[in-house]
Amino acid sequence: MEKEMMATIVSLGFFAAIVLSIYFIMKYKTMMQPKTYEPNLVKQKSDWQKPGIVVLGTGLGVLVVGLLKSFNQFYLHGSISIGIIVIFTGISLIVAQQLDKKDSTEE
């Protein structure tokens, strides 16, 4: 039981570190824009769609692994669990890229 609790805490810590890293990188990018005053310049909003979709895909992968382990249907090795999470993250990257292409063609 203690090993499972430690693995859960480490996994949650790693996931939180990734989410916070993405958040602070995006915040830094928006703060480092040039500070020139032009009355006709339209302020651009921050693009949170791609990182949001990637984090959502990673979360869904973690959820699927958690559900499979909780139902005890079959034993999941660590590499299979990581593989499922990576597959979900990859799918979310593809979806984010396709949505970004669709948005860029509409403009």
C-alpha atoms as a PDB file:
ATOM      1  CA  MET A   1       0.000   0.000   0.000  1.00  0.00           C
ATOM      2  CA  GLU A   2       2.828   2.393   0.816  1.00  0.00           C
ATOM      3  CA  LYS A   3       4.483   1.889  -2.595  1.00  0.00           C
ATOM      4  CA  GLU A   4       1.209   2.639  -4.374  1.00  0.00           C
ATOM      5  CA  MET A   5       0.723   5.825  -2.364  1.00  0.00           C
ATOM      6  CA  MET A   6       4.271   6.969  -3.104  1.00  0.00           C
ATOM      7  CA  ALA A   7       3.830   6.249  -6.824  1.00  0.00           C
ATOM      8  CA  THR A   8       0.589   8.216  -6.840  1.00  0.00           C
ATOM      9  CA  ILE A   9       2.172  11.195  -5.118  1.00  0.00           C
ATOM     10  CA  VAL A  10       5.160  11.182  -7.473  1.00  0.00           C
ATOM     11  CA  SER A  11       2.880  10.913 -10.514  1.00  0.00           C
ATOM     12  CA  LEU A  12       0.690  13.778  -9.351  1.00  0.00           C
ATOM     13  CA  GLY A  13       3.764  15.879  -8.605  1.00  0.00           C
ATOM     14  CA  PHE A  14       5.168  15.230 -12.074  1.00  0.00           C
ATOM     15  CA  PHE A  15       1.837  16.089 -13.701  1.00  0.00           C
ATOM     16  CA  ALA A  16       1.551  19.292 -11.650  1.00  0.00           C
ATOM     17  CA  ALA A  17       5.092  20.276 -12.622  1.00  0.00           C
ATOM     18  CA  ILE A  18       4.268  19.882 -16.324  1.00  0.00           C
ATOM     19  CA  VAL A  19       1.018  21.853 -16.052  1.00  0.00           C
ATOM     20  CA  LEU A  20       2.640  24.664 -14.075  1.00  0.00           C
ATOM     21  CA  SER A  21       5.592  24.795 -16.475  1.00  0.00           C
ATOM     22  CA  ILE A  22       3.260  25.244 -19.437  1.00  0.00           C
ATOM     23  CA  TYR A  23       1.302  27.899 -17.524  1.00  0.00           C
ATOM     24  CA  PHE A  24       4.340  29.949 -16.576  1.00  0.00           C
ATOM     25  CA  ILE A  25       5.928  29.667 -20.028  1.00  0.00           C
ATOM     26  CA  MET A  26       2.749  30.989 -21.638  1.00  0.00           C
ATOM     27  CA  LYS A  27       2.476  33.736 -19.028  1.00  0.00           C
ATOM     28  CA  TYR A  28       6.112  34.733 -19.617  1.00  0.00           C
ATOM     29  CA  LYS A  29       5.555  34.896 -23.375  1.00  0.00           C
ATOM     30  CA  THR A  30       2.567  37.201 -22.960  1.00  0.00           C
ATOM     31  CA  MET A  31       4.427  39.465 -20.525  1.00  0.00           C
ATOM     32  CA  MET A  32       7.504  39.808 -22.747  1.00  0.00           C
ATOM     33  CA  GLN A  33       5.668  41.365 -25.671  1.00  0.00           C
ATOM     34  CA  PRO A  34       6.965  44.819 -26.689  1.00  0.00           C
ATOM     35  CA  LYS A  35       5.433  47.690 -24.733  1.00  0.00           C
ATOM     36  CA  THR A  36       4.825  50.189 -27.518  1.00  0.00           C
ATOM     37  CA  TYR A  37       1.759  52.347 -27.581  1.00  0.00           C
ATOM     38  CA  GLU A  38      -0.055  52.388 -30.877  1.00  0.00           C
ATOM     39  CA  PRO A  39      -3.697  53.429 -30.818  1.00  0.00           C
ATOM     40  CA  ASN A  40      -4.631  51.245 -33.802  1.00  0.00           C
ATOM     41  CA  LEU A  41      -2.926  48.136 -32.447  1.00  0.00           C
ATOM     42  CA  VAL A  42      -5.401  45.459 -31.426  1.00  0.00           C
ATOM     43  CA  LYS A  43      -4.377  43.536 -28.328  1.00  0.00           C
ATOM     44  CA  GLN A  44      -3.973  39.870 -29.135  1.00  0.00           C
ATOM     45  CA  LYS A  45      -5.336  37.336 -26.735  1.00  0.00           C
ATOM     46  CA  SER A  46      -3.151  34.539 -25.432  1.00  0.00           C
ATOM     47  CA  ASP A  47      -3.521  31.250 -27.275  1.00  0.00           C
ATOM     48  CA  TRP A  48      -4.323  28.649 -24.619  1.00  0.00           C
ATOM     49  CA  GLN A  49      -6.074  26.242 -26.935  1.00  0.00           C
ATOM     50  CA  LYS A  50      -3.116  24.012 -27.874  1.00  0.00           C
ATOM     51  CA  PRO A  51      -1.643  23.618 -24.356  1.00  0.00           C
ATOM     52  CA  GLY A  52      -5.144  23.081 -22.981  1.00  0.00           C
ATOM     53  CA  ILE A  53      -5.881  20.286 -25.431  1.00  0.00           C
ATOM     54  CA  VAL A  54      -2.524  18.622 -24.700  1.00  0.00           C
ATOM     55  CA  VAL A  55      -3.100  18.761 -20.932  1.00  0.00           C
ATOM     56  CA  LEU A  56      -6.626  17.426 -21.466  1.00  0.00           C
ATOM     57  CA  GLY A  57      -5.283  14.510 -23.526  1.00  0.00           C
ATOM     58  CA  THR A  58      -2.681  13.706 -20.886  1.00  0.00           C
ATOM     59  CA  GLY A  59      -5.363  13.829 -18.202  1.00  0.00           C
ATOM     60  CA  LEU A  60      -7.585  11.480 -20.190  1.00  0.00           C
ATOM     61  CA  GLY A  61      -4.673   9.058 -20.559  1.00  0.00           C
ATOM     62  CA  VAL A  62      -4.079   9.114 -16.803  1.00  0.00           C
ATOM     63  CA  LEU A  63      -7.811   8.603 -16.219  1.00  0.00           C
ATOM     64  CA  VAL A  64      -7.934   5.574 -18.546  1.00  0.00           C
ATOM     65  CA  VAL A  65      -4.896   4.015 -16.855  1.00  0.00           C
ATOM     66  CA  GLY A  66      -6.440   4.645 -13.444  1.00  0.00           C
ATOM     67  CA  LEU A  67      -9.743   3.082 -14.479  1.00  0.00           C
ATOM     68  CA  LEU A  68      -8.039   0.026 -15.965  1.00  0.00           C
ATOM     69  CA  LYS A  69      -6.003  -0.475 -12.803  1.00  0.00           C
ATOM     70  CA  SER A  70      -8.979   0.040 -10.498  1.00  0.00           C
ATOM     71  CA  PHE A  71     -11.141  -2.550 -12.268  1.00  0.00           C
ATOM     72  CA  ASN A  72      -8.307  -5.098 -12.091  1.00  0.00           C
ATOM     73  CA  GLN A  73      -9.267  -6.569 -15.448  1.00  0.00           C
ATOM     74  CA  PHE A  74      -5.632  -7.308 -16.235  1.00  0.00           C
ATOM     75  CA  TYR A  75      -2.232  -6.420 -14.877  1.00  0.00           C
ATOM     76  CA  LEU A  76      -0.670  -3.298 -16.407  1.00  0.00           C
ATOM     77  CA  HIS A  77       3.085  -3.049 -16.393  1.00  0.00           C
ATOM     78  CA  GLY A  78       4.588   0.395 -15.911  1.00  0.00           C
ATOM     79  CA  SER A  79       5.640   0.662 -19.538  1.00  0.00           C
ATOM     80  CA  ILE A  80       2.114  -0.126 -20.758  1.00  0.00           C
ATOM     81  CA  SER A  81       0.676   2.565 -18.495  1.00  0.00           C
ATOM     82  CA  ILE A  82       3.170   5.134 -19.772  1.00  0.00           C
ATOM     83  CA  GLY A  83       2.443   3.994 -23.339  1.00  0.00           C
ATOM     84  CA  ILE A  84      -1.290   4.594 -22.928  1.00  0.00           C
ATOM     85  CA  ILE A  85      -0.640   8.092 -21.548  1.00  0.00           C
ATOM     86  CA  VAL A  86       1.779   8.885 -24.392  1.00  0.00           C
ATOM     87  CA  ILE A  87      -0.734   7.676 -26.996  1.00  0.00           C
ATOM     88  CA  PHE A  88      -3.465   9.896 -25.561  1.00  0.00           C
ATOM     89  CA  THR A  89      -1.065  12.846 -25.430  1.00  0.00           C
ATOM     90  CA  GLY A  90      -0.036  12.239 -29.048  1.00  0.00           C
ATOM     91  CA  ILE A  91      -3.653  12.092 -30.168  1.00  0.00           C
ATOM     92  CA  SER A  92      -4.324  15.364 -28.356  1.00  0.00           C
ATOM     93  CA  LEU A  93      -1.322  16.968 -30.098  1.00  0.00           C
ATOM     94  CA  ILE A  94      -2.703  15.910 -33.479  1.00  0.00           C
ATOM     95  CA  VAL A  95      -6.154  17.285 -32.603  1.00  0.00           C
ATOM     96  CA  ALA A  96      -4.636  20.578 -31.405  1.00  0.00           C
ATOM     97  CA  GLN A  97      -2.608  20.907 -34.607  1.00  0.00           C
ATOM     98  CA  GLN A  98      -5.665  20.228 -36.783  1.00  0.00           C
ATOM     99  CA  LEU A  99      -7.726  22.800 -34.875  1.00  0.00           C
ATOM    100  CA  ASP A 100      -4.906  25.331 -35.196  1.00  0.00           C
ATOM    101  CA  LYS A 101      -4.737  24.744 -38.966  1.00  0.00           C
ATOM    102  CA  LYS A 102      -8.515  25.188 -39.210  1.00  0.00           C
ATOM    103  CA  ASP A 103      -8.349  28.456 -37.270  1.00  0.00           C
ATOM    104  CA  SER A 104      -5.497  29.813 -39.387  1.00  0.00           C
ATOM    105  CA  THR A 105      -7.353  29.107 -42.655  1.00  0.00           C
ATOM    106  CA  GLU A 106     -10.498  30.877 -41.405  1.00  0.00           C
ATOM    107  CA  GLU A 107      -8.652  34.135 -40.670  1.00  0.00           C
END
